[in-house]
Amino acid sequence: MPPDITGAWVLVAPRHCRRALGPLIRAHERVRTVRVVELGHGRPPPPEAWIEWIDGAAGALLVGDRHFGPRSALPGPFVNDGQGRLVPVGWLPDGGNEALARFAETARRVFRRSRARAGPIALMSQWDVRYLALAGRMAANVQDQDPTLSVFQWTADRITRDDLVHALGTGPGLGIYFGHGRPRGWAGYHGLRAHHLLGGASEPTGAILSMTCRTASRWGVGLSFSEEIVLGGVAAAAVGAVSPVHHLQNMRWMLGLAGALGAGETELGSAMRQAAPHSDRPGSAYRIIGDPLVPLIGAAGALRLGSAIWAPAPDAAL
């Protein structure tokens, strides 16, 4: 076991899931202590159970019965360790060995990426003045914090749904969507659903954040959009809301996230902890789906391939 210099990773899961998750477990064991807690029947544990498990942990992943959803499985994107420290925790429904193995292999591929900084960052939004402005402001804030960070603006005024699917397949480190959302997916790009993305990625995205309503909600669906794209191998992690979220709160998350990325943060959970508005920490509507310790680092060719995506500015001559 290598010396633990980054804090432990905790896996809470039924015994039968461990073999399928083997590639991810081994990826973590190379760099940190791994603790595995056996979950008897797949029922999510009560909040007080986490205090003992996450002592000194950098993050945790809960895998449980798919009949439970992100809202009921976790109280938010973080769990308090009892001493005031927020530990990022992700949820993954037990979708069967094939789906769990696909997720584990996707996450393993992302963990193997060796760049020292986050990115490239793909900013996406609905074709609407308010959300285009949010994406533009996010791009400006990221560049102000660190001009060397690579940012692609793949908003719906610049790129079609099919081209976006191809673009995300280049493997950016982080994708962020602004706009209306539903349990089945995004309203932007003439309606983007999980099935549009499944099978189209030659390289997975590190993490996809939906700064919008309900993309981690189970309302009217079997699995939420955020759960489907992670189990489907599109990304190693996703962040979505289980209920409506407010525009002002999303702006605060955006500003905090730009600051975290600009400060050199390369890990999803740590970036979210830095970004979280204080008013949103006790009971955030957002949930992390997948591994909260996933690096926000793109594939080897992501910058070159992403730069070749045709996405003209709104005022560009065509």
C-alpha atoms as a PDB file:
ATOM      1  CA  MET A   1       0.000   0.000   0.000  1.00  0.00           C
ATOM      2  CA  PRO A   2       1.486   3.383  -0.981  1.00  0.00           C
ATOM      3  CA  PRO A   3       1.656   6.107   1.660  1.00  0.00           C
ATOM      4  CA  ASP A   4      -1.669   7.912   1.923  1.00  0.00           C
ATOM      5  CA  ILE A   5      -0.919  11.539   1.097  1.00  0.00           C
ATOM      6  CA  THR A   6      -4.327  12.541  -0.185  1.00  0.00           C
ATOM      7  CA  GLY A   7      -6.863  11.178   2.316  1.00  0.00           C
ATOM      8  CA  ALA A   8      -8.761   7.904   2.110  1.00  0.00           C
ATOM      9  CA  TRP A   9     -11.403   6.913  -0.423  1.00  0.00           C
ATOM     10  CA  VAL A  10     -14.383   5.128   1.103  1.00  0.00           C
ATOM     11  CA  LEU A  11     -16.551   2.727  -0.867  1.00  0.00           C
ATOM     12  CA  VAL A  12     -19.879   1.811   0.718  1.00  0.00           C
ATOM     13  CA  ALA A  13     -21.502  -0.935  -1.354  1.00  0.00           C
ATOM     14  CA  PRO A  14     -23.111  -4.385  -1.265  1.00  0.00           C
ATOM     15  CA  ARG A  15     -20.598  -7.230  -1.458  1.00  0.00           C
ATOM     16  CA  HIS A  16     -21.726  -8.377  -4.901  1.00  0.00           C
ATOM     17  CA  CYS A  17     -20.736  -5.008  -6.425  1.00  0.00           C
ATOM     18  CA  ARG A  18     -17.068  -5.187  -5.471  1.00  0.00           C
ATOM     19  CA  ARG A  19     -15.874  -7.326  -8.358  1.00  0.00           C
ATOM     20  CA  ALA A  20     -17.471  -5.103 -11.000  1.00  0.00           C
ATOM     21  CA  LEU A  21     -15.954  -2.027  -9.328  1.00  0.00           C
ATOM     22  CA  GLY A  22     -12.499  -3.628  -9.185  1.00  0.00           C
ATOM     23  CA  PRO A  23     -10.788  -1.346 -11.767  1.00  0.00           C
ATOM     24  CA  LEU A  24     -11.819   1.755  -9.832  1.00  0.00           C
ATOM     25  CA  ILE A  25     -10.807   0.273  -6.476  1.00  0.00           C
ATOM     26  CA  ARG A  26      -7.353  -0.587  -7.835  1.00  0.00           C
ATOM     27  CA  ALA A  27      -6.976   2.886  -9.354  1.00  0.00           C
ATOM     28  CA  HIS A  28      -7.528   4.450  -5.945  1.00  0.00           C
ATOM     29  CA  GLU A  29      -5.276   1.940  -4.165  1.00  0.00           C
ATOM     30  CA  ARG A  30      -2.328   3.200  -6.196  1.00  0.00           C
ATOM     31  CA  VAL A  31      -2.466   6.617  -4.551  1.00  0.00           C
ATOM     32  CA  ARG A  32      -4.451   6.425  -1.327  1.00  0.00           C
ATOM     33  CA  THR A  33      -5.908   4.263   1.411  1.00  0.00           C
ATOM     34  CA  VAL A  34      -9.134   2.539   0.388  1.00  0.00           C
ATOM     35  CA  ARG A  35     -11.784   1.567   2.912  1.00  0.00           C
ATOM     36  CA  VAL A  36     -14.618  -0.718   1.858  1.00  0.00           C
ATOM     37  CA  VAL A  37     -17.776  -0.796   3.957  1.00  0.00           C
ATOM     38  CA  GLU A  38     -20.194  -3.619   3.177  1.00  0.00           C
ATOM     39  CA  LEU A  39     -23.778  -2.468   2.767  1.00  0.00           C
ATOM     40  CA  GLY A  40     -26.055  -5.318   3.738  1.00  0.00           C
ATOM     41  CA  HIS A  41     -29.110  -4.963   1.494  1.00  0.00           C
ATOM     42  CA  GLY A  42     -28.322  -1.935  -0.642  1.00  0.00           C
ATOM     43  CA  ARG A  43     -30.426   0.364   1.533  1.00  0.00           C
ATOM     44  CA  PRO A  44     -28.737   3.791   1.962  1.00  0.00           C
ATOM     45  CA  PRO A  45     -27.335   4.248   5.480  1.00  0.00           C
ATOM     46  CA  PRO A  46     -28.626   6.902   7.893  1.00  0.00           C
ATOM     47  CA  PRO A  47     -26.563  10.127   8.085  1.00  0.00           C
ATOM     48  CA  GLU A  48     -25.083   9.249  11.500  1.00  0.00           C
ATOM     49  CA  ALA A  49     -23.478   6.089  10.097  1.00  0.00           C
ATOM     50  CA  TRP A  50     -21.189   8.172   7.913  1.00  0.00           C
ATOM     51  CA  ILE A  51     -19.363   9.823  10.814  1.00  0.00           C
ATOM     52  CA  GLU A  52     -17.272   6.747  11.618  1.00  0.00           C
ATOM     53  CA  TRP A  53     -16.693   5.765   7.985  1.00  0.00           C
ATOM     54  CA  ILE A  54     -15.443   9.111   6.675  1.00  0.00           C
ATOM     55  CA  ASP A  55     -13.005   9.986   9.449  1.00  0.00           C
ATOM     56  CA  GLY A  56      -9.950  11.356   7.629  1.00  0.00           C
ATOM     57  CA  ALA A  57     -11.471  10.600   4.221  1.00  0.00           C
ATOM     58  CA  ALA A  58     -11.078  12.725   1.102  1.00  0.00           C
ATOM     59  CA  GLY A  59     -14.310  11.397  -0.374  1.00  0.00           C
ATOM     60  CA  ALA A  60     -16.733   8.490  -0.499  1.00  0.00           C
ATOM     61  CA  LEU A  61     -18.891   6.624  -2.993  1.00  0.00           C
ATOM     62  CA  LEU A  62     -22.188   5.002  -2.023  1.00  0.00           C
ATOM     63  CA  VAL A  63     -23.542   2.249  -4.269  1.00  0.00           C
ATOM     64  CA  GLY A  64     -27.034   1.093  -3.363  1.00  0.00           C
ATOM     65  CA  ASP A  65     -30.334  -0.380  -4.426  1.00  0.00           C
ATOM     66  CA  ARG A  66     -31.508   1.331  -7.627  1.00  0.00           C
ATOM     67  CA  HIS A  67     -35.007   1.685  -6.156  1.00  0.00           C
ATOM     68  CA  PHE A  68     -33.550   4.517  -4.087  1.00  0.00           C
ATOM     69  CA  GLY A  69     -32.747   7.786  -5.821  1.00  0.00           C
ATOM     70  CA  PRO A  70     -30.177  10.544  -5.290  1.00  0.00           C
ATOM     71  CA  ARG A  71     -32.563  12.568  -3.129  1.00  0.00           C
ATOM     72  CA  SER A  72     -33.187   9.772  -0.623  1.00  0.00           C
ATOM     73  CA  ALA A  73     -29.711   8.208  -0.768  1.00  0.00           C
ATOM     74  CA  LEU A  74     -27.742  11.285   0.306  1.00  0.00           C
ATOM     75  CA  PRO A  75     -28.524  14.554   2.126  1.00  0.00           C
ATOM     76  CA  GLY A  76     -26.484  16.609  -0.346  1.00  0.00           C
ATOM     77  CA  PRO A  77     -23.126  16.625  -2.125  1.00  0.00           C
ATOM     78  CA  PHE A  78     -21.311  16.528   1.230  1.00  0.00           C
ATOM     79  CA  VAL A  79     -21.585  14.659   4.512  1.00  0.00           C
ATOM     80  CA  ASN A  80     -20.458  16.271   7.767  1.00  0.00           C
ATOM     81  CA  ASP A  81     -17.831  14.197   9.567  1.00  0.00           C
ATOM     82  CA  GLY A  82     -19.113  15.330  12.961  1.00  0.00           C
ATOM     83  CA  GLN A  83     -16.301  17.832  13.423  1.00  0.00           C
ATOM     84  CA  GLY A  84     -17.504  20.407  10.927  1.00  0.00           C
ATOM     85  CA  ARG A  85     -15.557  19.093   7.919  1.00  0.00           C
ATOM     86  CA  LEU A  86     -17.529  18.510   4.740  1.00  0.00           C
ATOM     87  CA  VAL A  87     -16.599  15.306   2.898  1.00  0.00           C
ATOM     88  CA  PRO A  88     -17.801  15.014  -0.722  1.00  0.00           C
ATOM     89  CA  VAL A  89     -19.905  11.902  -1.262  1.00  0.00           C
ATOM     90  CA  GLY A  90     -21.214  10.456  -4.509  1.00  0.00           C
ATOM     91  CA  TRP A  91     -24.150   8.150  -5.230  1.00  0.00           C
ATOM     92  CA  LEU A  92     -24.424   5.363  -7.768  1.00  0.00           C
ATOM     93  CA  PRO A  93     -27.457   3.114  -8.201  1.00  0.00           C
ATOM     94  CA  ASP A  94     -26.737  -0.593  -8.539  1.00  0.00           C
ATOM     95  CA  GLY A  95     -27.576  -0.952 -12.216  1.00  0.00           C
ATOM     96  CA  GLY A  96     -26.198  -4.493 -12.459  1.00  0.00           C
ATOM     97  CA  ASN A  97     -22.692  -5.816 -13.026  1.00  0.00           C
ATOM     98  CA  GLU A  98     -22.445  -4.664 -16.637  1.00  0.00           C
ATOM     99  CA  ALA A  99     -23.357  -1.054 -15.828  1.00  0.00           C
ATOM    100  CA  LEU A 100     -21.143  -0.946 -12.732  1.00  0.00           C
ATOM    101  CA  ALA A 101     -18.202  -2.396 -14.669  1.00  0.00           C
ATOM    102  CA  ARG A 102     -18.728   0.201 -17.427  1.00  0.00           C
ATOM    103  CA  PHE A 103     -18.687   2.988 -14.851  1.00  0.00           C
ATOM    104  CA  ALA A 104     -15.578   1.575 -13.134  1.00  0.00           C
ATOM    105  CA  GLU A 105     -13.677   1.309 -16.414  1.00  0.00           C
ATOM    106  CA  THR A 106     -14.727   4.858 -17.393  1.00  0.00           C
ATOM    107  CA  ALA A 107     -13.523   6.221 -14.057  1.00  0.00           C
ATOM    108  CA  ARG A 108     -10.278   4.236 -14.315  1.00  0.00           C
ATOM    109  CA  ARG A 109      -9.568   5.812 -17.706  1.00  0.00           C
ATOM    110  CA  VAL A 110     -10.112   9.294 -16.288  1.00  0.00           C
ATOM    111  CA  PHE A 111      -7.905   8.586 -13.256  1.00  0.00           C
ATOM    112  CA  ARG A 112      -5.061   7.582 -15.583  1.00  0.00           C
ATOM    113  CA  ARG A 113      -4.914  11.059 -17.129  1.00  0.00           C
ATOM    114  CA  SER A 114      -1.703  12.750 -16.106  1.00  0.00           C
ATOM    115  CA  ARG A 115      -2.024  16.461 -16.898  1.00  0.00           C
ATOM    116  CA  ALA A 116      -1.222  18.724 -13.965  1.00  0.00           C
ATOM    117  CA  ARG A 117      -4.149  21.120 -14.393  1.00  0.00           C
ATOM    118  CA  ALA A 118      -7.869  20.976 -14.939  1.00  0.00           C
ATOM    119  CA  GLY A 119      -9.427  21.290 -18.363  1.00  0.00           C
ATOM    120  CA  PRO A 120     -10.195  21.768 -21.048  1.00  0.00           C
ATOM    121  CA  ILE A 121     -13.504  23.102 -19.739  1.00  0.00           C
ATOM    122  CA  ALA A 122     -16.563  22.859 -21.985  1.00  0.00           C
ATOM    123  CA  LEU A 123     -19.263  25.449 -21.306  1.00  0.00           C
ATOM    124  CA  MET A 124     -22.721  24.623 -22.643  1.00  0.00           C
ATOM    125  CA  SER A 125     -26.030  26.443 -22.435  1.00  0.00           C
ATOM    126  CA  GLN A 126     -29.526  26.768 -23.771  1.00  0.00           C
ATOM    127  CA  TRP A 127     -30.053  29.338 -26.539  1.00  0.00           C
ATOM    128  CA  ASP A 128     -31.449  31.982 -24.219  1.00  0.00           C
ATOM    129  CA  VAL A 129     -30.003  35.384 -23.382  1.00  0.00           C
ATOM    130  CA  ARG A 130     -29.866  34.769 -19.645  1.00  0.00           C
ATOM    131  CA  TYR A 131     -28.082  31.422 -19.904  1.00  0.00           C
ATOM    132  CA  LEU A 132     -25.757  32.519 -22.693  1.00  0.00           C
ATOM    133  CA  ALA A 133     -24.745  35.378 -20.417  1.00  0.00           C
ATOM    134  CA  LEU A 134     -24.049  32.931 -17.584  1.00  0.00           C
ATOM    135  CA  ALA A 135     -21.832  30.814 -19.812  1.00  0.00           C
ATOM    136  CA  GLY A 136     -20.016  33.891 -21.066  1.00  0.00           C
ATOM    137  CA  ARG A 137     -19.512  35.182 -17.553  1.00  0.00           C
ATOM    138  CA  MET A 138     -18.221  31.787 -16.434  1.00  0.00           C
ATOM    139  CA  ALA A 139     -15.709  31.793 -19.297  1.00  0.00           C
ATOM    140  CA  ALA A 140     -14.550  35.298 -18.392  1.00  0.00           C
ATOM    141  CA  ASN A 141     -14.238  34.463 -14.695  1.00  0.00           C
ATOM    142  CA  VAL A 142     -12.218  31.318 -15.372  1.00  0.00           C
ATOM    143  CA  GLN A 143      -9.875  33.206 -17.703  1.00  0.00           C
ATOM    144  CA  ASP A 144      -9.534  36.044 -15.176  1.00  0.00           C
ATOM    145  CA  GLN A 145      -8.581  33.550 -12.479  1.00  0.00           C
ATOM    146  CA  ASP A 146      -6.104  31.682 -14.694  1.00  0.00           C
ATOM    147  CA  PRO A 147      -5.592  32.748 -18.336  1.00  0.00           C
ATOM    148  CA  THR A 148      -3.840  29.451 -19.085  1.00  0.00           C
ATOM    149  CA  LEU A 149      -6.991  27.381 -18.494  1.00  0.00           C
ATOM    150  CA  SER A 150      -8.536  26.234 -21.780  1.00  0.00           C
ATOM    151  CA  VAL A 151     -12.250  26.980 -22.172  1.00  0.00           C
ATOM    152  CA  PHE A 152     -14.543  25.959 -25.041  1.00  0.00           C
ATOM    153  CA  GLN A 153     -17.899  27.714 -25.466  1.00  0.00           C
ATOM    154  CA  TRP A 154     -20.125  25.045 -26.981  1.00  0.00           C
ATOM    155  CA  THR A 155     -23.394  26.865 -26.344  1.00  0.00           C
ATOM    156  CA  ALA A 156     -26.547  26.138 -28.334  1.00  0.00           C
ATOM    157  CA  ASP A 157     -26.207  29.322 -30.404  1.00  0.00           C
ATOM    158  CA  ARG A 158     -22.868  28.034 -31.683  1.00  0.00           C
ATOM    159  CA  ILE A 159     -23.190  24.278 -31.983  1.00  0.00           C
ATOM    160  CA  THR A 160     -25.856  21.670 -32.814  1.00  0.00           C
ATOM    161  CA  ARG A 161     -26.826  18.736 -30.654  1.00  0.00           C
ATOM    162  CA  ASP A 162     -25.076  16.212 -32.898  1.00  0.00           C
ATOM    163  CA  ASP A 163     -21.902  18.280 -32.946  1.00  0.00           C
ATOM    164  CA  LEU A 164     -22.050  18.670 -29.166  1.00  0.00           C
ATOM    165  CA  VAL A 165     -22.239  14.889 -28.749  1.00  0.00           C
ATOM    166  CA  HIS A 166     -19.150  14.586 -30.953  1.00  0.00           C
ATOM    167  CA  ALA A 167     -17.424  17.403 -29.050  1.00  0.00           C
ATOM    168  CA  LEU A 168     -17.976  15.817 -25.635  1.00  0.00           C
ATOM    169  CA  GLY A 169     -16.528  12.605 -27.067  1.00  0.00           C
ATOM    170  CA  THR A 170     -13.131  14.313 -27.288  1.00  0.00           C
ATOM    171  CA  GLY A 171     -12.852  13.880 -23.509  1.00  0.00           C
ATOM    172  CA  PRO A 172     -12.793  17.333 -21.853  1.00  0.00           C
ATOM    173  CA  GLY A 173     -11.986  17.437 -18.169  1.00  0.00           C
ATOM    174  CA  LEU A 174     -15.171  19.245 -17.193  1.00  0.00           C
ATOM    175  CA  GLY A 175     -18.454  20.105 -18.866  1.00  0.00           C
ATOM    176  CA  ILE A 176     -20.901  22.646 -17.401  1.00  0.00           C
ATOM    177  CA  TYR A 177     -24.439  23.229 -18.688  1.00  0.00           C
ATOM    178  CA  PHE A 178     -26.546  26.317 -17.936  1.00  0.00           C
ATOM    179  CA  GLY A 179     -30.226  26.386 -18.841  1.00  0.00           C
ATOM    180  CA  HIS A 180     -33.484  24.620 -18.149  1.00  0.00           C
ATOM    181  CA  GLY A 181     -33.298  20.976 -17.190  1.00  0.00           C
ATOM    182  CA  ARG A 182     -35.610  18.069 -16.469  1.00  0.00           C
ATOM    183  CA  PRO A 183     -35.198  14.560 -15.028  1.00  0.00           C
ATOM    184  CA  ARG A 184     -34.765  13.294 -18.611  1.00  0.00           C
ATOM    185  CA  GLY A 185     -32.087  15.808 -19.631  1.00  0.00           C
ATOM    186  CA  TRP A 186     -31.476  19.320 -20.887  1.00  0.00           C
ATOM    187  CA  ALA A 187     -33.957  21.610 -22.626  1.00  0.00           C
ATOM    188  CA  GLY A 188     -31.127  23.085 -24.696  1.00  0.00           C
ATOM    189  CA  TYR A 189     -29.941  21.715 -28.042  1.00  0.00           C
ATOM    190  CA  HIS A 190     -33.565  20.928 -29.009  1.00  0.00           C
ATOM    191  CA  GLY A 191     -33.722  18.546 -26.055  1.00  0.00           C
ATOM    192  CA  LEU A 192     -30.641  16.536 -25.114  1.00  0.00           C
ATOM    193  CA  ARG A 193     -31.263  13.173 -23.434  1.00  0.00           C
ATOM    194  CA  ALA A 194     -28.919  10.529 -22.091  1.00  0.00           C
ATOM    195  CA  HIS A 195     -29.507   8.262 -25.092  1.00  0.00           C
ATOM    196  CA  HIS A 196     -28.069  10.954 -27.380  1.00  0.00           C
ATOM    197  CA  LEU A 197     -24.769  10.704 -25.508  1.00  0.00           C
ATOM    198  CA  LEU A 198     -24.576   6.967 -24.832  1.00  0.00           C
ATOM    199  CA  GLY A 199     -22.175   5.151 -27.091  1.00  0.00           C
ATOM    200  CA  GLY A 200     -20.911   8.340 -28.707  1.00  0.00           C
ATOM    201  CA  ALA A 201     -17.891   9.028 -26.527  1.00  0.00           C
ATOM    202  CA  SER A 202     -14.497   7.867 -27.728  1.00  0.00           C
ATOM    203  CA  GLU A 203     -13.109   9.488 -24.562  1.00  0.00           C
ATOM    204  CA  PRO A 204     -15.219  10.142 -21.464  1.00  0.00           C
ATOM    205  CA  THR A 205     -15.636  13.566 -19.916  1.00  0.00           C
ATOM    206  CA  GLY A 206     -14.184  13.813 -16.420  1.00  0.00           C
ATOM    207  CA  ALA A 207     -17.361  15.279 -14.914  1.00  0.00           C
ATOM    208  CA  ILE A 208     -20.524  16.909 -16.270  1.00  0.00           C
ATOM    209  CA  LEU A 209     -22.246  19.538 -14.122  1.00  0.00           C
ATOM    210  CA  SER A 210     -25.846  20.496 -14.889  1.00  0.00           C
ATOM    211  CA  MET A 211     -26.425  23.869 -13.238  1.00  0.00           C
ATOM    212  CA  THR A 212     -30.148  23.547 -13.716  1.00  0.00           C
ATOM    213  CA  CYS A 213     -33.250  22.007 -12.194  1.00  0.00           C
ATOM    214  CA  ARG A 214     -33.992  18.316 -11.600  1.00  0.00           C
ATOM    215  CA  THR A 215     -31.390  16.489 -13.718  1.00  0.00           C
ATOM    216  CA  ALA A 216     -30.713  14.188 -10.745  1.00  0.00           C
ATOM    217  CA  SER A 217     -34.420  13.839  -9.918  1.00  0.00           C
ATOM    218  CA  ARG A 218     -36.297  10.557 -10.359  1.00  0.00           C
ATOM    219  CA  TRP A 219     -39.635  12.339 -10.918  1.00  0.00           C
ATOM    220  CA  GLY A 220     -41.401  10.439 -13.710  1.00  0.00           C
ATOM    221  CA  VAL A 221     -38.318   8.448 -14.786  1.00  0.00           C
ATOM    222  CA  GLY A 222     -36.632   5.164 -13.878  1.00  0.00           C
ATOM    223  CA  LEU A 223     -33.167   6.706 -13.585  1.00  0.00           C
ATOM    224  CA  SER A 224     -32.329  10.393 -13.754  1.00  0.00           C
ATOM    225  CA  PHE A 225     -30.325  11.928 -16.585  1.00  0.00           C
ATOM    226  CA  SER A 226     -27.297  12.364 -14.295  1.00  0.00           C
ATOM    227  CA  GLU A 227     -27.404   8.715 -13.229  1.00  0.00           C
ATOM    228  CA  GLU A 228     -27.812   7.456 -16.788  1.00  0.00           C
ATOM    229  CA  ILE A 229     -24.816   9.303 -18.217  1.00  0.00           C
ATOM    230  CA  VAL A 230     -22.535   8.019 -15.454  1.00  0.00           C
ATOM    231  CA  LEU A 231     -23.709   4.399 -15.641  1.00  0.00           C
ATOM    232  CA  GLY A 232     -23.542   4.710 -19.433  1.00  0.00           C
ATOM    233  CA  GLY A 233     -19.855   5.643 -19.442  1.00  0.00           C
ATOM    234  CA  VAL A 234     -20.265   9.207 -20.733  1.00  0.00           C
ATOM    235  CA  ALA A 235     -18.514  10.699 -17.684  1.00  0.00           C
ATOM    236  CA  ALA A 236     -16.883   9.426 -14.502  1.00  0.00           C
ATOM    237  CA  ALA A 237     -19.115  11.736 -12.454  1.00  0.00           C
ATOM    238  CA  ALA A 238     -22.037  14.097 -12.847  1.00  0.00           C
ATOM    239  CA  VAL A 239     -23.611  16.776 -10.698  1.00  0.00           C
ATOM    240  CA  GLY A 240     -27.332  17.432 -10.896  1.00  0.00           C
ATOM    241  CA  ALA A 241     -30.167  18.816  -8.801  1.00  0.00           C
ATOM    242  CA  VAL A 242     -32.979  16.758  -7.266  1.00  0.00           C
ATOM    243  CA  SER A 243     -35.374  19.734  -7.186  1.00  0.00           C
ATOM    244  CA  PRO A 244     -35.741  23.229  -8.666  1.00  0.00           C
ATOM    245  CA  VAL A 245     -32.755  25.523  -8.146  1.00  0.00           C
ATOM    246  CA  HIS A 246     -32.597  29.312  -8.242  1.00  0.00           C
ATOM    247  CA  HIS A 247     -30.733  31.365 -10.815  1.00  0.00           C
ATOM    248  CA  LEU A 248     -29.008  33.487  -8.155  1.00  0.00           C
ATOM    249  CA  GLN A 249     -27.755  30.401  -6.331  1.00  0.00           C
ATOM    250  CA  ASN A 250     -26.370  29.003  -9.585  1.00  0.00           C
ATOM    251  CA  MET A 251     -24.489  32.265 -10.127  1.00  0.00           C
ATOM    252  CA  ARG A 252     -22.886  31.868  -6.705  1.00  0.00           C
ATOM    253  CA  TRP A 253     -21.882  28.286  -7.496  1.00  0.00           C
ATOM    254  CA  MET A 254     -20.461  29.468 -10.809  1.00  0.00           C
ATOM    255  CA  LEU A 255     -18.330  32.191  -9.228  1.00  0.00           C
ATOM    256  CA  GLY A 256     -17.066  29.804  -6.564  1.00  0.00           C
ATOM    257  CA  LEU A 257     -16.241  27.130  -9.111  1.00  0.00           C
ATOM    258  CA  ALA A 258     -14.315  29.584 -11.287  1.00  0.00           C
ATOM    259  CA  GLY A 259     -12.305  30.543  -8.225  1.00  0.00           C
ATOM    260  CA  ALA A 260     -11.566  26.921  -7.329  1.00  0.00           C
ATOM    261  CA  LEU A 261     -10.432  26.073 -10.851  1.00  0.00           C
ATOM    262  CA  GLY A 262      -8.361  29.235 -11.065  1.00  0.00           C
ATOM    263  CA  ALA A 263      -6.673  28.333  -7.774  1.00  0.00           C
ATOM    264  CA  GLY A 264      -5.499  25.075  -9.334  1.00  0.00           C
ATOM    265  CA  GLU A 265      -8.102  22.609  -8.038  1.00  0.00           C
ATOM    266  CA  THR A 266      -8.238  19.489 -10.183  1.00  0.00           C
ATOM    267  CA  GLU A 267     -10.614  17.248  -8.234  1.00  0.00           C
ATOM    268  CA  LEU A 268     -14.413  17.397  -8.444  1.00  0.00           C
ATOM    269  CA  GLY A 269     -15.284  17.056  -4.753  1.00  0.00           C
ATOM    270  CA  SER A 270     -12.701  19.560  -3.558  1.00  0.00           C
ATOM    271  CA  ALA A 271     -13.704  22.035  -6.257  1.00  0.00           C
ATOM    272  CA  MET A 272     -17.359  21.738  -5.243  1.00  0.00           C
ATOM    273  CA  ARG A 273     -16.541  22.165  -1.573  1.00  0.00           C
ATOM    274  CA  GLN A 274     -14.664  25.374  -2.356  1.00  0.00           C
ATOM    275  CA  ALA A 275     -17.406  26.549  -4.692  1.00  0.00           C
ATOM    276  CA  ALA A 276     -20.416  25.838  -2.464  1.00  0.00           C
ATOM    277  CA  PRO A 277     -22.183  29.026  -1.337  1.00  0.00           C
ATOM    278  CA  HIS A 278     -22.451  29.085   2.453  1.00  0.00           C
ATOM    279  CA  SER A 279     -26.228  29.422   2.185  1.00  0.00           C
ATOM    280  CA  ASP A 280     -26.343  26.195   0.148  1.00  0.00           C
ATOM    281  CA  ARG A 281     -24.103  23.988   2.271  1.00  0.00           C
ATOM    282  CA  PRO A 282     -26.564  22.664   4.888  1.00  0.00           C
ATOM    283  CA  GLY A 283     -29.009  21.117   2.420  1.00  0.00           C
ATOM    284  CA  SER A 284     -28.042  21.642  -1.198  1.00  0.00           C
ATOM    285  CA  ALA A 285     -30.369  20.432  -3.936  1.00  0.00           C
ATOM    286  CA  TYR A 286     -27.323  19.188  -5.858  1.00  0.00           C
ATOM    287  CA  ARG A 287     -26.016  15.622  -5.715  1.00  0.00           C
ATOM    288  CA  ILE A 288     -22.794  14.085  -6.961  1.00  0.00           C
ATOM    289  CA  ILE A 289     -23.393  10.997  -9.078  1.00  0.00           C
ATOM    290  CA  GLY A 290     -20.331   8.761  -9.435  1.00  0.00           C
ATOM    291  CA  ASP A 291     -16.901   9.237  -7.918  1.00  0.00           C
ATOM    292  CA  PRO A 292     -16.461  12.575  -6.116  1.00  0.00           C
ATOM    293  CA  LEU A 293     -12.669  12.294  -6.334  1.00  0.00           C
ATOM    294  CA  VAL A 294     -12.582  12.163 -10.136  1.00  0.00           C
ATOM    295  CA  PRO A 295      -9.939  14.469 -11.632  1.00  0.00           C
ATOM    296  CA  LEU A 296     -11.247  17.260 -13.848  1.00  0.00           C
ATOM    297  CA  ILE A 297      -8.565  16.487 -16.405  1.00  0.00           C
ATOM    298  CA  GLY A 298      -9.109  15.958 -20.097  1.00  0.00           C
ATOM    299  CA  ALA A 299      -7.876  13.172 -22.353  1.00  0.00           C
ATOM    300  CA  ALA A 300      -4.490  13.519 -24.034  1.00  0.00           C
ATOM    301  CA  GLY A 301      -5.942  14.868 -27.280  1.00  0.00           C
ATOM    302  CA  ALA A 302      -8.880  16.779 -25.818  1.00  0.00           C
ATOM    303  CA  LEU A 303      -7.441  20.249 -26.311  1.00  0.00           C
ATOM    304  CA  ARG A 304      -6.360  19.632 -29.902  1.00  0.00           C
ATOM    305  CA  LEU A 305      -9.575  17.854 -30.919  1.00  0.00           C
ATOM    306  CA  GLY A 306     -11.791  20.273 -29.033  1.00  0.00           C
ATOM    307  CA  SER A 307     -10.131  23.229 -30.747  1.00  0.00           C
ATOM    308  CA  ALA A 308     -11.105  21.719 -34.099  1.00  0.00           C
ATOM    309  CA  ILE A 309     -14.835  21.679 -33.256  1.00  0.00           C
ATOM    310  CA  TRP A 310     -16.598  24.221 -35.444  1.00  0.00           C
ATOM    311  CA  ALA A 311     -18.376  26.509 -32.988  1.00  0.00           C
ATOM    312  CA  PRO A 312     -18.492  30.077 -34.367  1.00  0.00           C
ATOM    313  CA  ALA A 313     -19.212  33.073 -32.192  1.00  0.00           C
ATOM    314  CA  PRO A 314     -22.707  34.576 -32.596  1.00  0.00           C
ATOM    315  CA  ASP A 315     -21.326  37.608 -34.462  1.00  0.00           C
ATOM    316  CA  ALA A 316     -18.887  35.642 -36.629  1.00  0.00           C
ATOM    317  CA  ALA A 317     -19.152  35.926 -40.414  1.00  0.00           C
ATOM    318  CA  LEU A 318     -20.369  32.624 -41.855  1.00  0.00           C
END
